[in-house]
Every structure is written in C-alpha cells, then in structure tokens.
Amino acid sequence: MIGALILGLVAGVIGRAVVPNDAFAGMSGPSSWLASIVLGLVGAVVGYAIFTLGLGIGDDDAFDLGGILSAVIGVVIVLVVAGIVVRRTGPRSA
C-alpha cells in the first residue's frame, strides 16, 4: 500500500512536470499533492493495461516501483485526455 502511494506520488509529480498547463495546474497545497497521487495511481493502471496486458511487457504487479516508467507514460496519457475533456466542456468555475 505504501509502495503504491509512493509510486502514485512520484509518477504524478513527474507526469505533471512533463505536461505543461495540465487540467490540474491551478491547484496548490494538499489538493495538488492529492491530485498528483490519484493521477499517478490512475496512470499506473493505464500503463499496466497498455504495457503488461496489451503488449505483454512487464511484470504482474500494477503498483510495483519498477513500473515507474509505464506509470509516468500513463499519467501523461491521462493528463492529455483530461485536458481535451476540460477544453471541450469548458473550465470548471469555483
């Protein structure tokens, strides 16, 4: 469980640093950290689905720290899709 949270945080932070002006760029503080962790966990699942299930590359654990590269790629994919959805539907006003 702790490894999954660390993977989520690291992958989320790296992915958000790679994608400029992502859909969650306006966040700061704890909500930004939480968004990075959730993005990293979702990215890990997306990366696992693409590489392990789809291409047959990798191990059987979706939240393994060895899968950081596939998790970061998954985060980038999720951020690009989220950006497209936000641009289509319009930004959410607070």
N, C-alpha and C. Protein backbone atom coordinates (compact mmCIF):
# COMPACT_ATOMS: atom_id res chain seq x y z
N MET A 1 0.82 -1.19 0.00
CA MET A 1 0.00 0.00 0.00
C MET A 1 0.87 1.26 0.00
N ILE A 2 1.88 1.29 0.85
CA ILE A 2 2.77 2.44 0.91
C ILE A 2 3.52 2.59 -0.41
N GLY A 3 3.95 1.47 -0.98
CA GLY A 3 4.66 1.50 -2.26
C GLY A 3 3.78 2.06 -3.37
N ALA A 4 2.49 1.72 -3.34
CA ALA A 4 1.57 2.23 -4.35
C ALA A 4 1.40 3.74 -4.21
N LEU A 5 1.32 4.24 -2.98
CA LEU A 5 1.19 5.68 -2.77
C LEU A 5 2.45 6.42 -3.20
N ILE A 6 3.61 5.83 -2.89
CA ILE A 6 4.87 6.45 -3.32
C ILE A 6 4.96 6.46 -4.83
N LEU A 7 4.61 5.33 -5.46
CA LEU A 7 4.60 5.26 -6.93
C LEU A 7 3.65 6.31 -7.50
N GLY A 8 2.46 6.42 -6.93
CA GLY A 8 1.49 7.40 -7.40
C GLY A 8 2.00 8.82 -7.28
N LEU A 9 2.62 9.14 -6.16
CA LEU A 9 3.14 10.48 -5.96
C LEU A 9 4.27 10.79 -6.93
N VAL A 10 5.23 9.88 -7.05
CA VAL A 10 6.38 10.13 -7.93
C VAL A 10 5.93 10.22 -9.39
N ALA A 11 5.12 9.27 -9.82
CA ALA A 11 4.65 9.28 -11.21
C ALA A 11 3.77 10.49 -11.49
N GLY A 12 2.93 10.86 -10.54
CA GLY A 12 2.06 12.02 -10.72
C GLY A 12 2.84 13.31 -10.82
N VAL A 13 3.84 13.48 -9.96
CA VAL A 13 4.65 14.70 -9.99
C VAL A 13 5.45 14.78 -11.29
N ILE A 14 6.07 13.66 -11.69
CA ILE A 14 6.83 13.66 -12.94
C ILE A 14 5.92 13.91 -14.13
N GLY A 15 4.78 13.25 -14.17
CA GLY A 15 3.84 13.43 -15.28
C GLY A 15 3.32 14.85 -15.37
N ARG A 16 3.02 15.45 -14.21
CA ARG A 16 2.53 16.83 -14.22
C ARG A 16 3.63 17.81 -14.60
N ALA A 17 4.89 17.46 -14.34
CA ALA A 17 6.01 18.31 -14.74
C ALA A 17 6.25 18.21 -16.25
N VAL A 18 5.96 17.06 -16.83
CA VAL A 18 6.19 16.84 -18.26
C VAL A 18 5.11 17.52 -19.11
N VAL A 19 3.88 17.49 -18.65
CA VAL A 19 2.76 18.07 -19.41
C VAL A 19 2.54 19.51 -18.95
N PRO A 20 2.83 20.48 -19.80
CA PRO A 20 2.65 21.88 -19.39
C PRO A 20 1.17 22.26 -19.37
N ASN A 21 0.81 23.12 -18.42
CA ASN A 21 -0.57 23.63 -18.30
C ASN A 21 -1.60 22.52 -18.31
N ASP A 22 -1.41 21.52 -17.46
CA ASP A 22 -2.38 20.43 -17.40
C ASP A 22 -3.69 20.91 -16.79
N ALA A 23 -4.69 20.06 -16.80
CA ALA A 23 -6.03 20.43 -16.33
C ALA A 23 -6.05 20.72 -14.84
N PHE A 24 -5.01 20.29 -14.10
CA PHE A 24 -4.97 20.47 -12.65
C PHE A 24 -3.92 21.51 -12.24
N ALA A 25 -3.49 22.36 -13.17
CA ALA A 25 -2.41 23.31 -12.92
C ALA A 25 -2.80 24.38 -11.90
N GLY A 26 -4.05 24.69 -11.74
CA GLY A 26 -4.48 25.73 -10.82
C GLY A 26 -4.51 25.31 -9.37
N MET A 27 -4.24 24.07 -9.08
CA MET A 27 -4.29 23.58 -7.71
C MET A 27 -3.00 23.91 -6.98
N SER A 28 -3.10 24.06 -5.66
CA SER A 28 -1.92 24.22 -4.83
C SER A 28 -2.18 23.59 -3.47
N GLY A 29 -1.12 23.33 -2.74
CA GLY A 29 -1.24 22.77 -1.40
C GLY A 29 -1.63 21.31 -1.41
N PRO A 30 -2.35 20.87 -0.38
CA PRO A 30 -2.71 19.45 -0.25
C PRO A 30 -3.53 18.92 -1.41
N SER A 31 -4.39 19.74 -1.99
CA SER A 31 -5.20 19.24 -3.11
C SER A 31 -4.32 18.94 -4.31
N SER A 32 -3.24 19.69 -4.49
CA SER A 32 -2.32 19.41 -5.58
C SER A 32 -1.58 18.09 -5.34
N TRP A 33 -1.16 17.85 -4.11
CA TRP A 33 -0.49 16.58 -3.79
C TRP A 33 -1.45 15.41 -3.97
N LEU A 34 -2.69 15.58 -3.52
CA LEU A 34 -3.68 14.51 -3.67
C LEU A 34 -3.97 14.25 -5.15
N ALA A 35 -4.07 15.31 -5.94
CA ALA A 35 -4.29 15.14 -7.37
C ALA A 35 -3.13 14.41 -8.01
N SER A 36 -1.90 14.70 -7.58
CA SER A 36 -0.73 14.01 -8.13
C SER A 36 -0.74 12.54 -7.78
N ILE A 37 -1.11 12.20 -6.54
CA ILE A 37 -1.16 10.80 -6.13
C ILE A 37 -2.23 10.05 -6.91
N VAL A 38 -3.42 10.64 -7.02
CA VAL A 38 -4.51 9.98 -7.76
C VAL A 38 -4.14 9.83 -9.23
N LEU A 39 -3.57 10.88 -9.82
CA LEU A 39 -3.14 10.79 -11.22
C LEU A 39 -2.09 9.70 -11.39
N GLY A 40 -1.17 9.61 -10.46
CA GLY A 40 -0.13 8.58 -10.53
C GLY A 40 -0.70 7.17 -10.42
N LEU A 41 -1.68 6.98 -9.54
CA LEU A 41 -2.30 5.65 -9.41
C LEU A 41 -3.10 5.29 -10.65
N VAL A 42 -3.86 6.26 -11.17
CA VAL A 42 -4.61 6.01 -12.40
C VAL A 42 -3.64 5.78 -13.56
N GLY A 43 -2.57 6.56 -13.60
CA GLY A 43 -1.56 6.37 -14.64
C GLY A 43 -0.89 5.02 -14.55
N ALA A 44 -0.66 4.52 -13.34
CA ALA A 44 -0.08 3.19 -13.16
C ALA A 44 -0.99 2.11 -13.72
N VAL A 45 -2.29 2.26 -13.50
CA VAL A 45 -3.25 1.29 -14.04
C VAL A 45 -3.29 1.38 -15.56
N VAL A 46 -3.29 2.60 -16.10
CA VAL A 46 -3.30 2.77 -17.56
C VAL A 46 -2.02 2.20 -18.17
N GLY A 47 -0.88 2.51 -17.56
CA GLY A 47 0.38 1.97 -18.05
C GLY A 47 0.44 0.46 -17.96
N TYR A 48 -0.08 -0.10 -16.87
CA TYR A 48 -0.15 -1.55 -16.71
C TYR A 48 -1.02 -2.17 -17.80
N ALA A 49 -2.15 -1.55 -18.06
CA ALA A 49 -3.06 -2.08 -19.09
C ALA A 49 -2.41 -2.04 -20.47
N ILE A 50 -1.73 -0.96 -20.77
CA ILE A 50 -1.10 -0.82 -22.08
C ILE A 50 0.07 -1.78 -22.25
N PHE A 51 1.00 -1.74 -21.30
CA PHE A 51 2.24 -2.48 -21.47
C PHE A 51 2.14 -3.95 -21.09
N THR A 52 1.55 -4.26 -19.94
CA THR A 52 1.51 -5.65 -19.49
C THR A 52 0.37 -6.42 -20.16
N LEU A 53 -0.82 -5.88 -20.12
CA LEU A 53 -1.95 -6.60 -20.70
C LEU A 53 -1.99 -6.50 -22.22
N GLY A 54 -1.70 -5.31 -22.74
CA GLY A 54 -1.77 -5.10 -24.18
C GLY A 54 -0.57 -5.61 -24.95
N LEU A 55 0.62 -5.28 -24.47
CA LEU A 55 1.84 -5.61 -25.21
C LEU A 55 2.60 -6.81 -24.64
N GLY A 56 2.23 -7.26 -23.46
CA GLY A 56 2.90 -8.41 -22.86
C GLY A 56 4.28 -8.07 -22.30
N ILE A 57 4.53 -6.80 -22.02
CA ILE A 57 5.82 -6.36 -21.47
C ILE A 57 5.62 -6.04 -19.99
N GLY A 58 6.50 -6.49 -19.12
CA GLY A 58 6.44 -6.11 -17.71
C GLY A 58 6.03 -7.25 -16.82
N ASP A 59 5.88 -6.92 -15.54
CA ASP A 59 5.53 -7.94 -14.55
C ASP A 59 4.04 -7.91 -14.24
N ASP A 60 3.65 -8.70 -13.26
CA ASP A 60 2.22 -8.85 -12.96
C ASP A 60 1.70 -7.89 -11.90
N ASP A 61 2.53 -6.98 -11.41
CA ASP A 61 2.11 -6.07 -10.35
C ASP A 61 1.92 -4.66 -10.92
N ALA A 62 0.72 -4.14 -10.84
CA ALA A 62 0.42 -2.82 -11.41
C ALA A 62 1.07 -1.70 -10.61
N PHE A 63 1.27 -1.88 -9.31
CA PHE A 63 1.78 -0.81 -8.47
C PHE A 63 3.19 -1.10 -7.97
N ASP A 64 4.00 -1.73 -8.80
CA ASP A 64 5.39 -2.03 -8.47
C ASP A 64 6.24 -0.81 -8.79
N LEU A 65 7.19 -0.49 -7.93
CA LEU A 65 8.03 0.68 -8.18
C LEU A 65 8.89 0.50 -9.43
N GLY A 66 9.08 -0.72 -9.89
CA GLY A 66 9.80 -0.94 -11.14
C GLY A 66 9.01 -0.48 -12.34
N GLY A 67 7.71 -0.29 -12.19
CA GLY A 67 6.86 0.15 -13.28
C GLY A 67 6.69 1.66 -13.34
N ILE A 68 7.65 2.40 -12.83
CA ILE A 68 7.53 3.86 -12.78
C ILE A 68 7.44 4.46 -14.18
N LEU A 69 8.19 3.92 -15.12
CA LEU A 69 8.16 4.47 -16.48
C LEU A 69 6.78 4.30 -17.12
N SER A 70 6.21 3.12 -16.99
CA SER A 70 4.87 2.92 -17.56
C SER A 70 3.83 3.76 -16.81
N ALA A 71 4.03 3.98 -15.51
CA ALA A 71 3.10 4.83 -14.75
C ALA A 71 3.19 6.27 -15.21
N VAL A 72 4.40 6.76 -15.47
CA VAL A 72 4.56 8.14 -15.94
C VAL A 72 3.93 8.29 -17.33
N ILE A 73 4.14 7.31 -18.20
CA ILE A 73 3.51 7.35 -19.52
C ILE A 73 1.99 7.34 -19.37
N GLY A 74 1.48 6.54 -18.45
CA GLY A 74 0.04 6.51 -18.18
C GLY A 74 -0.47 7.85 -17.67
N VAL A 75 0.30 8.51 -16.80
CA VAL A 75 -0.10 9.83 -16.28
C VAL A 75 -0.16 10.85 -17.41
N VAL A 76 0.83 10.82 -18.30
CA VAL A 76 0.83 11.75 -19.43
C VAL A 76 -0.40 11.52 -20.29
N ILE A 77 -0.74 10.27 -20.55
CA ILE A 77 -1.93 9.96 -21.34
C ILE A 77 -3.19 10.47 -20.64
N VAL A 78 -3.29 10.23 -19.34
CA VAL A 78 -4.46 10.69 -18.58
C VAL A 78 -4.55 12.21 -18.59
N LEU A 79 -3.42 12.91 -18.43
CA LEU A 79 -3.44 14.37 -18.43
C LEU A 79 -3.82 14.94 -19.79
N VAL A 80 -3.36 14.32 -20.86
CA VAL A 80 -3.73 14.79 -22.20
C VAL A 80 -5.22 14.60 -22.42
N VAL A 81 -5.75 13.45 -22.04
CA VAL A 81 -7.19 13.18 -22.19
C VAL A 81 -8.01 14.13 -21.31
N ALA A 82 -7.55 14.36 -20.07
CA ALA A 82 -8.26 15.29 -19.18
C ALA A 82 -8.23 16.70 -19.73
N GLY A 83 -7.13 17.10 -20.33
CA GLY A 83 -7.05 18.43 -20.94
C GLY A 83 -8.01 18.58 -22.10
N ILE A 84 -8.14 17.54 -22.91
CA ILE A 84 -9.08 17.57 -24.03
C ILE A 84 -10.51 17.67 -23.52
N VAL A 85 -10.83 16.91 -22.49
CA VAL A 85 -12.18 16.93 -21.93
C VAL A 85 -12.49 18.30 -21.32
N VAL A 86 -11.53 18.88 -20.59
CA VAL A 86 -11.77 20.20 -19.98
C VAL A 86 -11.93 21.27 -21.04
N ARG A 87 -11.13 21.22 -22.10
CA ARG A 87 -11.28 22.21 -23.17
C ARG A 87 -12.61 22.07 -23.87
N ARG A 88 -13.10 20.86 -24.03
CA ARG A 88 -14.39 20.65 -24.71
C ARG A 88 -15.56 21.11 -23.85
N THR A 89 -15.52 20.79 -22.56
CA THR A 89 -16.65 21.09 -21.69
C THR A 89 -16.53 22.48 -21.05
N GLY A 90 -15.35 23.09 -21.13
CA GLY A 90 -15.14 24.39 -20.51
C GLY A 90 -14.59 24.21 -19.12
N PRO A 91 -13.83 25.19 -18.65
CA PRO A 91 -13.25 25.08 -17.31
C PRO A 91 -14.32 25.14 -16.24
N ARG A 92 -14.06 24.45 -15.18
CA ARG A 92 -14.99 24.41 -14.04
C ARG A 92 -14.78 25.64 -13.19
N SER A 93 -15.80 26.41 -12.97
CA SER A 93 -15.66 27.61 -12.14
C SER A 93 -15.90 27.28 -10.68
N ALA A 94 -15.13 27.90 -9.82
CA ALA A 94 -15.25 27.61 -8.38
C ALA A 94 -16.20 28.54 -7.70
